[in-house]
Protein backbone atom coordinates (compact mmCIF):
# COMPACT_ATOMS: atom_id res chain seq x y z
CA MET A 1 6.37 3.06 11.28
CA SER A 2 3.33 4.12 13.30
CA ASN A 3 0.04 5.09 11.70
CA ASN A 4 0.64 8.77 12.52
CA GLU A 5 3.76 8.60 10.38
CA LYS A 6 1.84 7.21 7.40
CA GLN A 7 1.32 9.96 4.84
CA ILE A 8 -1.99 10.06 2.97
CA LEU A 9 -2.86 12.32 0.05
CA ILE A 10 -6.57 12.79 -0.53
CA VAL A 11 -7.43 13.86 -4.07
CA GLU A 12 -11.04 15.00 -4.34
CA ASP A 13 -12.52 17.92 -6.29
CA GLU A 14 -15.46 18.31 -3.90
CA PRO A 15 -13.90 20.35 -1.05
CA GLU A 16 -16.49 19.34 1.55
CA LEU A 17 -15.95 15.66 0.84
CA ALA A 18 -12.16 16.01 0.73
CA ASP A 19 -12.21 17.82 4.07
CA LEU A 20 -14.52 15.18 5.56
CA TYR A 21 -12.16 12.38 4.50
CA ALA A 22 -9.28 14.37 5.98
CA VAL A 23 -11.08 14.72 9.33
CA TRP A 24 -11.85 11.00 9.39
CA LEU A 25 -8.25 10.01 8.67
CA SER A 26 -6.26 12.73 10.45
CA ALA A 27 -6.83 11.23 13.90
CA GLU A 28 -4.71 8.22 12.88
CA TYR A 29 -2.60 9.41 9.95
CA SER A 30 -0.78 12.42 8.57
CA VAL A 31 -3.09 13.78 5.86
CA ASP A 32 -2.74 16.27 3.02
CA VAL A 33 -5.49 17.25 0.60
CA ALA A 34 -5.43 18.14 -3.09
CA TYR A 35 -8.67 19.65 -4.35
CA GLY A 36 -8.18 18.56 -7.94
CA ALA A 37 -5.97 16.78 -10.44
CA LYS A 38 -3.44 19.57 -11.04
CA GLU A 39 -2.88 20.11 -7.34
CA ALA A 40 -2.57 16.34 -6.85
CA ILE A 41 0.10 16.04 -9.52
CA ALA A 42 1.99 18.97 -7.98
CA LYS A 43 1.83 17.48 -4.46
CA ALA A 44 2.34 13.80 -5.22
CA ASP A 45 5.79 12.55 -4.35
CA GLU A 46 7.58 9.66 -2.70
CA SER A 47 6.68 10.89 0.79
CA PHE A 48 3.10 9.63 0.50
CA ASP A 49 2.24 6.07 1.44
CA ILE A 50 -1.37 6.19 0.24
CA MET A 51 -3.42 8.23 -2.19
CA ILE A 52 -7.21 8.35 -1.98
CA LEU A 53 -8.15 9.34 -5.53
CA ASP A 54 -11.43 10.50 -7.02
CA ARG A 55 -11.94 9.14 -10.49
CA ARG A 56 -14.12 11.87 -12.00
CA MET A 57 -12.71 15.38 -11.72
CA PRO A 58 -13.28 18.34 -14.07
CA GLU A 59 -9.61 19.27 -14.77
CA GLN A 60 -8.65 15.75 -15.75
CA PRO A 61 -9.79 12.30 -14.69
CA GLY A 62 -8.30 10.40 -11.80
CA ARG A 63 -7.04 7.72 -14.17
CA LYS A 64 -4.62 10.29 -15.63
CA VAL A 65 -3.44 11.31 -12.17
CA LEU A 66 -2.97 7.62 -11.39
CA ARG A 67 -1.00 7.11 -14.61
CA LYS A 68 1.31 10.04 -13.76
CA VAL A 69 1.85 8.71 -10.24
CA ARG A 70 2.75 5.27 -11.59
CA ASP A 71 4.92 6.68 -14.40
CA ALA A 72 6.82 8.75 -11.83
CA GLY A 73 7.59 5.52 -9.97
CA TYR A 74 6.03 6.55 -6.67
CA GLN A 75 5.47 3.46 -4.55
CA MET A 76 2.33 4.69 -2.82
CA ARG A 77 -0.79 2.56 -2.67
CA VAL A 78 -3.71 4.13 -4.52
CA ALA A 79 -7.39 3.62 -3.77
CA MET A 80 -9.94 4.99 -6.20
CA VAL A 81 -12.87 6.32 -4.15
CA THR A 82 -15.44 7.43 -6.64
CA ALA A 83 -19.07 7.58 -7.65
CA VAL A 84 -18.20 5.82 -10.92
CA GLU A 85 -19.26 2.19 -10.99
CA PRO A 86 -16.40 -0.02 -12.18
CA ASP A 87 -16.46 -1.12 -15.80
CA PHE A 88 -14.00 -2.91 -18.07
CA ASP A 89 -11.92 0.26 -18.40
CA ILE A 90 -10.57 -0.41 -14.89
CA LEU A 91 -8.48 -3.23 -16.34
CA GLU A 92 -5.97 -0.65 -17.59
CA MET A 93 -5.74 1.21 -14.26
CA GLU A 94 -3.01 0.33 -11.76
CA PHE A 95 -4.90 1.05 -8.52
CA ASP A 96 -4.68 -1.04 -5.38
CA ASP A 97 -8.31 -0.80 -4.31
CA TYR A 98 -11.59 0.65 -5.55
CA ALA A 99 -14.54 1.90 -3.51
CA VAL A 100 -17.81 3.31 -4.79
CA LYS A 101 -19.21 6.38 -3.03
CA PRO A 102 -20.76 6.96 -0.69
CA VAL A 103 -18.26 5.57 1.79
CA SER A 104 -18.69 5.71 5.53
CA ARG A 105 -16.02 6.70 8.04
CA GLU A 106 -15.62 3.02 8.95
CA ASP A 107 -15.28 2.05 5.27
CA MET A 108 -12.59 4.69 4.73
CA LEU A 109 -10.64 3.68 7.83
CA GLU A 110 -10.82 0.01 6.85
CA LEU A 111 -9.75 0.79 3.29
CA VAL A 112 -6.66 2.66 4.48
CA SER A 113 -5.85 0.03 7.10
CA ASP A 114 -6.07 -2.72 4.48
CA LEU A 115 -3.75 -0.82 2.14
CA ILE A 116 -1.20 -0.36 4.93
CA ASP A 117 -1.39 -4.06 5.81
CA ARG A 118 -0.92 -5.04 2.17
CA ASP A 119 2.10 -2.77 1.93
CA SER A 120 3.53 -4.28 5.10
CA TYR A 121 2.95 -7.78 3.72
CA SER A 122 4.78 -6.87 0.49
CA GLU A 123 7.74 -5.53 2.47
CA LEU A 124 7.89 -8.71 4.56
CA MET A 125 7.73 -10.88 1.43
CA ASN A 126 10.60 -8.94 -0.13
CA LYS A 127 12.64 -9.31 3.03
CA MET A 128 11.92 -13.04 3.14
CA TYR A 129 13.05 -13.50 -0.46
CA GLN A 130 16.24 -11.48 0.13
CA ILE A 131 17.18 -13.57 3.15
CA SER A 132 16.25 -16.80 1.34
CA GLU A 133 18.47 -15.84 -1.57
CA LYS A 134 21.44 -15.26 0.75
CA LYS A 135 20.78 -18.58 2.48
CA ALA A 136 20.54 -20.47 -0.82
CA LEU A 137 23.71 -18.87 -2.15
CA LEU A 138 25.69 -19.78 0.96
CA GLU A 139 24.32 -23.33 0.97
CA GLU A 140 25.35 -23.72 -2.64
CA ARG A 141 28.91 -22.52 -2.02
CA LYS A 142 29.71 -23.75 1.48
CA ASP A 143 29.74 -27.20 3.01
CA GLN A 144 27.46 -28.11 5.89
CA ARG A 145 30.25 -27.98 8.48
CA GLU A 146 31.21 -24.41 7.53
CA LEU A 147 27.57 -23.37 7.69
CA SER A 148 26.91 -24.95 11.09
CA ASP A 149 30.08 -23.35 12.53
CA ASN A 150 29.24 -19.84 11.30
CA ASP A 151 27.35 -17.64 13.78
CA GLU A 152 26.24 -15.17 11.11
CA TYR A 153 24.70 -17.98 9.06
CA GLN A 154 22.89 -19.27 12.14
CA GLN A 155 21.54 -15.74 12.77
CA LEU A 156 20.42 -15.65 9.14
CA ILE A 157 18.46 -18.89 9.67
CA GLU A 158 16.83 -17.45 12.79
CA GLU A 159 15.98 -14.22 11.00
CA LEU A 160 14.46 -16.16 8.10
CA ASP A 161 12.31 -18.21 10.48
CA SER A 162 11.16 -15.04 12.23
CA VAL A 163 10.28 -13.29 8.95
CA LYS A 164 8.45 -16.39 7.68
CA GLN A 165 6.36 -16.37 10.86
CA GLN A 166 5.60 -12.66 10.38
CA VAL A 167 4.59 -13.30 6.76
CA ASP A 168 2.23 -16.07 7.86
CA GLU A 169 0.70 -13.87 10.56
CA LYS A 170 0.26 -10.93 8.17
CA ALA A 171 -1.26 -13.21 5.52
CA GLY A 172 -3.76 -14.42 8.10
CA GLN A 173 -4.65 -10.83 8.96
CA LEU A 174 -5.10 -9.97 5.31
CA ASN A 175 -7.38 -12.94 4.77
CA THR A 176 -9.53 -12.06 7.76
CA GLN A 177 -9.77 -8.48 6.54
CA GLN A 178 -11.01 -9.72 3.18
CA ALA A 179 -8.07 -8.17 1.34
CA PHE A 180 -8.46 -10.94 -1.20
CA LYS A 181 -12.21 -10.51 -1.51
CA ASP A 182 -13.92 -12.36 -4.31
CA ILE A 183 -10.76 -14.00 -5.62
């Protein structure tokens, strides 16, 4: 999936700031804007890959929007982009990243790029585990001769090697992008 196909929902109650974020991101991504919590809840659905979410909004706080998104089971990555300094209350929030305003254009682009890379890494890890499970099951039930004679099994081995290499490459990218900062 190309970046232009990635769907981003910006949730920000300050229209000028929401529109600015949209301009920054719309060159590379498909962007929609919700100018408050109620609009965000109405718009949020499975079509979005990423939500940029303000934490402090007058209708209801971003943490409640986040809770509703998670309760609905939407698989989007959520970044809180807010003027609120993090405190211990963040421990109960299921966000994927947190940035304190003001954020620059470069910061916003990097934040979104990192979230996309993390999502891609998760998908690759899931694929690797699925293939590994098939391989282990076959190895448990079939003898070595049957396995070595089976073209589909050999393709499975090749696919597993390829996915493992992709996982390693993506992990290296994540580390260089400081996705695991301060761990």
